[in-house]
Amino acid sequence: MVLTLGILLIFVGFIIIMLSLILSHMKPGPERREAKVSGGGVVIIGPVPIVFGTDKRMALAAAVVGAVLTIIVLLVFLITNGYIVIPGGVR
């Protein structure tokens, strides 16, 4: 069941990426204009998120995402190993 859900989520991700690529090329407008591109990312090694970005705003956004992901992973680890018990939780 869990493996099937994981594979389904991977396929949904690929479909979303393909649709976004197709829709981005279908936008009308003959003129091209310069656009400012910025980006950032998070690499999580163990419990430590490493954050990078092209500007402070993107680095801050990536840091927030990294912190949230770290907390989620920590909670999942604690719940699955029995350190946190959820009353009436999954059996």
N, C-alpha and C. Protein backbone atom coordinates (compact mmCIF):
# COMPACT_ATOMS: atom_id res chain seq x y z
N MET A 1 0.82 -1.19 0.00
CA MET A 1 0.00 0.00 0.00
C MET A 1 0.87 1.27 0.00
N VAL A 2 1.85 1.31 0.90
CA VAL A 2 2.71 2.50 0.99
C VAL A 2 3.56 2.63 -0.27
N LEU A 3 4.07 1.50 -0.77
CA LEU A 3 4.87 1.54 -2.00
C LEU A 3 4.04 2.03 -3.17
N THR A 4 2.80 1.56 -3.25
CA THR A 4 1.91 2.00 -4.33
C THR A 4 1.64 3.49 -4.24
N LEU A 5 1.43 4.00 -3.02
CA LEU A 5 1.21 5.43 -2.85
C LEU A 5 2.44 6.23 -3.26
N GLY A 6 3.63 5.75 -2.91
CA GLY A 6 4.86 6.43 -3.29
C GLY A 6 5.04 6.50 -4.79
N ILE A 7 4.80 5.39 -5.45
CA ILE A 7 4.92 5.35 -6.92
C ILE A 7 3.89 6.27 -7.56
N LEU A 8 2.67 6.28 -7.02
CA LEU A 8 1.63 7.17 -7.53
C LEU A 8 2.04 8.63 -7.38
N LEU A 9 2.62 9.00 -6.25
CA LEU A 9 3.06 10.38 -6.04
C LEU A 9 4.19 10.77 -7.00
N ILE A 10 5.06 9.83 -7.31
CA ILE A 10 6.12 10.11 -8.28
C ILE A 10 5.53 10.38 -9.65
N PHE A 11 4.57 9.56 -10.08
CA PHE A 11 3.93 9.78 -11.38
C PHE A 11 3.15 11.10 -11.41
N VAL A 12 2.47 11.43 -10.33
CA VAL A 12 1.74 12.70 -10.26
C VAL A 12 2.73 13.87 -10.37
N GLY A 13 3.88 13.75 -9.74
CA GLY A 13 4.91 14.79 -9.85
C GLY A 13 5.40 14.97 -11.27
N PHE A 14 5.65 13.86 -11.96
CA PHE A 14 6.07 13.94 -13.37
C PHE A 14 4.99 14.58 -14.23
N ILE A 15 3.74 14.23 -13.99
CA ILE A 15 2.64 14.80 -14.78
C ILE A 15 2.54 16.30 -14.54
N ILE A 16 2.67 16.74 -13.28
CA ILE A 16 2.61 18.17 -12.98
C ILE A 16 3.75 18.91 -13.67
N ILE A 17 4.94 18.34 -13.66
CA ILE A 17 6.08 18.99 -14.32
C ILE A 17 5.84 19.09 -15.82
N MET A 18 5.36 18.01 -16.44
CA MET A 18 5.11 18.03 -17.88
C MET A 18 4.02 19.05 -18.24
N LEU A 19 2.96 19.09 -17.45
CA LEU A 19 1.89 20.06 -17.72
C LEU A 19 2.39 21.49 -17.56
N SER A 20 3.22 21.74 -16.58
CA SER A 20 3.73 23.10 -16.40
C SER A 20 4.63 23.51 -17.56
N LEU A 21 5.42 22.56 -18.07
CA LEU A 21 6.25 22.88 -19.23
C LEU A 21 5.40 23.18 -20.46
N ILE A 22 4.38 22.38 -20.67
CA ILE A 22 3.50 22.59 -21.83
C ILE A 22 2.75 23.91 -21.71
N LEU A 23 2.20 24.18 -20.53
CA LEU A 23 1.43 25.41 -20.35
C LEU A 23 2.30 26.66 -20.40
N SER A 24 3.55 26.57 -20.00
CA SER A 24 4.42 27.74 -20.05
C SER A 24 4.75 28.14 -21.49
N HIS A 25 4.72 27.19 -22.41
CA HIS A 25 4.99 27.51 -23.81
C HIS A 25 3.73 27.91 -24.56
N MET A 26 2.57 27.79 -23.96
CA MET A 26 1.33 28.14 -24.62
C MET A 26 0.87 29.56 -24.32
N LYS A 27 1.64 30.29 -23.50
CA LYS A 27 1.25 31.66 -23.14
C LYS A 27 1.30 32.56 -24.37
N PRO A 28 0.25 33.36 -24.57
CA PRO A 28 0.29 34.28 -25.71
C PRO A 28 1.19 35.47 -25.41
N GLY A 29 1.62 36.12 -26.44
CA GLY A 29 2.43 37.31 -26.28
C GLY A 29 3.63 37.27 -27.21
N PRO A 30 3.64 38.17 -28.21
CA PRO A 30 4.73 38.13 -29.17
C PRO A 30 6.04 38.68 -28.62
N GLU A 31 5.96 39.60 -27.67
CA GLU A 31 7.20 40.22 -27.22
C GLU A 31 7.83 39.42 -26.09
N ARG A 32 9.12 39.47 -26.08
CA ARG A 32 9.88 38.84 -25.00
C ARG A 32 10.39 39.96 -24.12
N ARG A 33 10.34 39.77 -22.83
CA ARG A 33 10.88 40.78 -21.95
C ARG A 33 11.85 40.11 -20.99
N GLU A 34 12.72 40.91 -20.46
CA GLU A 34 13.70 40.40 -19.52
C GLU A 34 13.01 40.09 -18.19
N ALA A 35 13.34 38.96 -17.65
CA ALA A 35 12.77 38.56 -16.37
C ALA A 35 13.90 38.30 -15.39
N LYS A 36 13.67 38.71 -14.16
CA LYS A 36 14.66 38.43 -13.13
C LYS A 36 14.37 37.04 -12.57
N VAL A 37 15.35 36.20 -12.61
CA VAL A 37 15.20 34.83 -12.13
C VAL A 37 15.95 34.69 -10.82
N SER A 38 15.26 34.12 -9.85
CA SER A 38 15.92 33.85 -8.58
C SER A 38 15.52 32.46 -8.12
N GLY A 39 16.37 31.87 -7.32
CA GLY A 39 16.07 30.52 -6.87
C GLY A 39 16.83 30.20 -5.59
N GLY A 40 16.47 29.10 -5.03
CA GLY A 40 17.13 28.66 -3.81
C GLY A 40 16.86 27.18 -3.62
N GLY A 41 17.53 26.62 -2.65
CA GLY A 41 17.33 25.21 -2.41
C GLY A 41 17.80 24.79 -1.04
N VAL A 42 17.48 23.56 -0.72
CA VAL A 42 17.85 22.98 0.56
C VAL A 42 18.40 21.59 0.31
N VAL A 43 19.54 21.30 0.90
CA VAL A 43 20.09 19.95 0.89
C VAL A 43 20.09 19.49 2.34
N ILE A 44 19.37 18.40 2.61
CA ILE A 44 19.29 17.92 3.97
C ILE A 44 20.24 16.73 4.13
N ILE A 45 21.26 16.91 4.94
CA ILE A 45 22.22 15.85 5.24
C ILE A 45 22.02 15.48 6.70
N GLY A 46 21.43 14.30 6.90
CA GLY A 46 21.09 13.91 8.27
C GLY A 46 20.03 14.85 8.79
N PRO A 47 20.21 15.38 9.97
CA PRO A 47 19.22 16.32 10.50
C PRO A 47 19.55 17.78 10.18
N VAL A 48 20.60 18.02 9.40
CA VAL A 48 21.07 19.38 9.17
C VAL A 48 20.69 19.86 7.76
N PRO A 49 19.85 20.90 7.67
CA PRO A 49 19.55 21.46 6.35
C PRO A 49 20.63 22.46 5.94
N ILE A 50 21.12 22.33 4.71
CA ILE A 50 22.07 23.29 4.14
C ILE A 50 21.31 24.12 3.12
N VAL A 51 21.29 25.43 3.33
CA VAL A 51 20.44 26.33 2.56
C VAL A 51 21.29 27.17 1.62
N PHE A 52 20.80 27.37 0.39
CA PHE A 52 21.47 28.27 -0.54
C PHE A 52 20.42 29.00 -1.35
N GLY A 53 20.78 30.17 -1.86
CA GLY A 53 19.85 30.95 -2.66
C GLY A 53 20.57 32.03 -3.43
N THR A 54 19.90 32.56 -4.45
CA THR A 54 20.51 33.61 -5.27
C THR A 54 20.40 34.97 -4.60
N ASP A 55 19.45 35.13 -3.71
CA ASP A 55 19.33 36.38 -2.95
C ASP A 55 18.81 36.05 -1.55
N LYS A 56 18.73 37.07 -0.71
CA LYS A 56 18.34 36.83 0.69
C LYS A 56 16.91 36.30 0.80
N ARG A 57 16.03 36.78 -0.05
CA ARG A 57 14.63 36.35 0.00
C ARG A 57 14.49 34.86 -0.30
N MET A 58 15.19 34.40 -1.32
CA MET A 58 15.13 32.98 -1.68
C MET A 58 15.81 32.12 -0.63
N ALA A 59 16.91 32.59 -0.08
CA ALA A 59 17.59 31.83 0.97
C ALA A 59 16.71 31.71 2.20
N LEU A 60 15.98 32.78 2.54
CA LEU A 60 15.07 32.72 3.68
C LEU A 60 13.92 31.76 3.42
N ALA A 61 13.38 31.79 2.22
CA ALA A 61 12.30 30.86 1.87
C ALA A 61 12.79 29.42 1.92
N ALA A 62 13.99 29.18 1.41
CA ALA A 62 14.56 27.83 1.45
C ALA A 62 14.83 27.41 2.89
N ALA A 63 15.25 28.34 3.74
CA ALA A 63 15.50 28.02 5.15
C ALA A 63 14.20 27.62 5.85
N VAL A 64 13.12 28.31 5.54
CA VAL A 64 11.82 27.97 6.14
C VAL A 64 11.40 26.58 5.68
N VAL A 65 11.54 26.30 4.39
CA VAL A 65 11.19 24.98 3.87
C VAL A 65 12.07 23.91 4.51
N GLY A 66 13.36 24.18 4.64
CA GLY A 66 14.26 23.23 5.28
C GLY A 66 13.91 22.96 6.72
N ALA A 67 13.54 24.01 7.46
CA ALA A 67 13.15 23.83 8.86
C ALA A 67 11.88 23.01 8.97
N VAL A 68 10.90 23.29 8.12
CA VAL A 68 9.65 22.54 8.15
C VAL A 68 9.89 21.07 7.80
N LEU A 69 10.69 20.83 6.77
CA LEU A 69 11.00 19.45 6.39
C LEU A 69 11.75 18.70 7.49
N THR A 70 12.68 19.39 8.15
CA THR A 70 13.42 18.77 9.23
C THR A 70 12.49 18.39 10.39
N ILE A 71 11.56 19.27 10.72
CA ILE A 71 10.60 18.99 11.79
C ILE A 71 9.70 17.82 11.41
N ILE A 72 9.23 17.78 10.16
CA ILE A 72 8.37 16.69 9.72
C ILE A 72 9.12 15.36 9.78
N VAL A 73 10.36 15.34 9.29
CA VAL A 73 11.14 14.10 9.32
C VAL A 73 11.39 13.66 10.76
N LEU A 74 11.69 14.60 11.64
CA LEU A 74 11.92 14.27 13.04
C LEU A 74 10.66 13.69 13.68
N LEU A 75 9.50 14.31 13.42
CA LEU A 75 8.24 13.80 13.97
C LEU A 75 7.91 12.40 13.43
N VAL A 76 8.11 12.19 12.15
CA VAL A 76 7.85 10.86 11.58
C VAL A 76 8.77 9.83 12.20
N PHE A 77 10.03 10.17 12.39
CA PHE A 77 10.97 9.26 13.03
C PHE A 77 10.53 8.92 14.45
N LEU A 78 10.16 9.93 15.22
CA LEU A 78 9.76 9.70 16.61
C LEU A 78 8.47 8.90 16.71
N ILE A 79 7.53 9.16 15.81
CA ILE A 79 6.25 8.43 15.85
C ILE A 79 6.44 6.98 15.42
N THR A 80 7.19 6.76 14.34
CA THR A 80 7.34 5.39 13.85
C THR A 80 8.19 4.52 14.76
N ASN A 81 9.05 5.11 15.57
CA ASN A 81 9.86 4.34 16.49
C ASN A 81 9.26 4.25 17.88
N GLY A 82 8.07 4.77 18.07
CA GLY A 82 7.35 4.60 19.32
C GLY A 82 7.71 5.58 20.41
N TYR A 83 8.50 6.59 20.13
CA TYR A 83 8.83 7.59 21.14
C TYR A 83 7.65 8.53 21.41
N ILE A 84 6.83 8.75 20.40
CA ILE A 84 5.61 9.54 20.54
C ILE A 84 4.44 8.61 20.19
N VAL A 85 3.50 8.49 21.11
CA VAL A 85 2.34 7.63 20.89
C VAL A 85 1.14 8.53 20.65
N ILE A 86 0.44 8.25 19.55
CA ILE A 86 -0.76 9.00 19.21
C ILE A 86 -1.97 8.19 19.65
N PRO A 87 -2.76 8.72 20.59
CA PRO A 87 -3.95 7.96 21.04
C PRO A 87 -4.92 7.75 19.89
N GLY A 88 -5.33 6.52 19.69
CA GLY A 88 -6.25 6.20 18.60
C GLY A 88 -5.61 6.36 17.25
N GLY A 89 -4.30 6.27 17.19
CA GLY A 89 -3.57 6.47 15.94
C GLY A 89 -3.61 5.26 15.04
N VAL A 90 -2.74 5.25 14.07
CA VAL A 90 -2.68 4.19 13.08
C VAL A 90 -2.22 2.90 13.75
N ARG A 91 -2.85 1.81 13.41
CA ARG A 91 -2.49 0.51 14.00
C ARG A 91 -1.75 -0.34 13.01
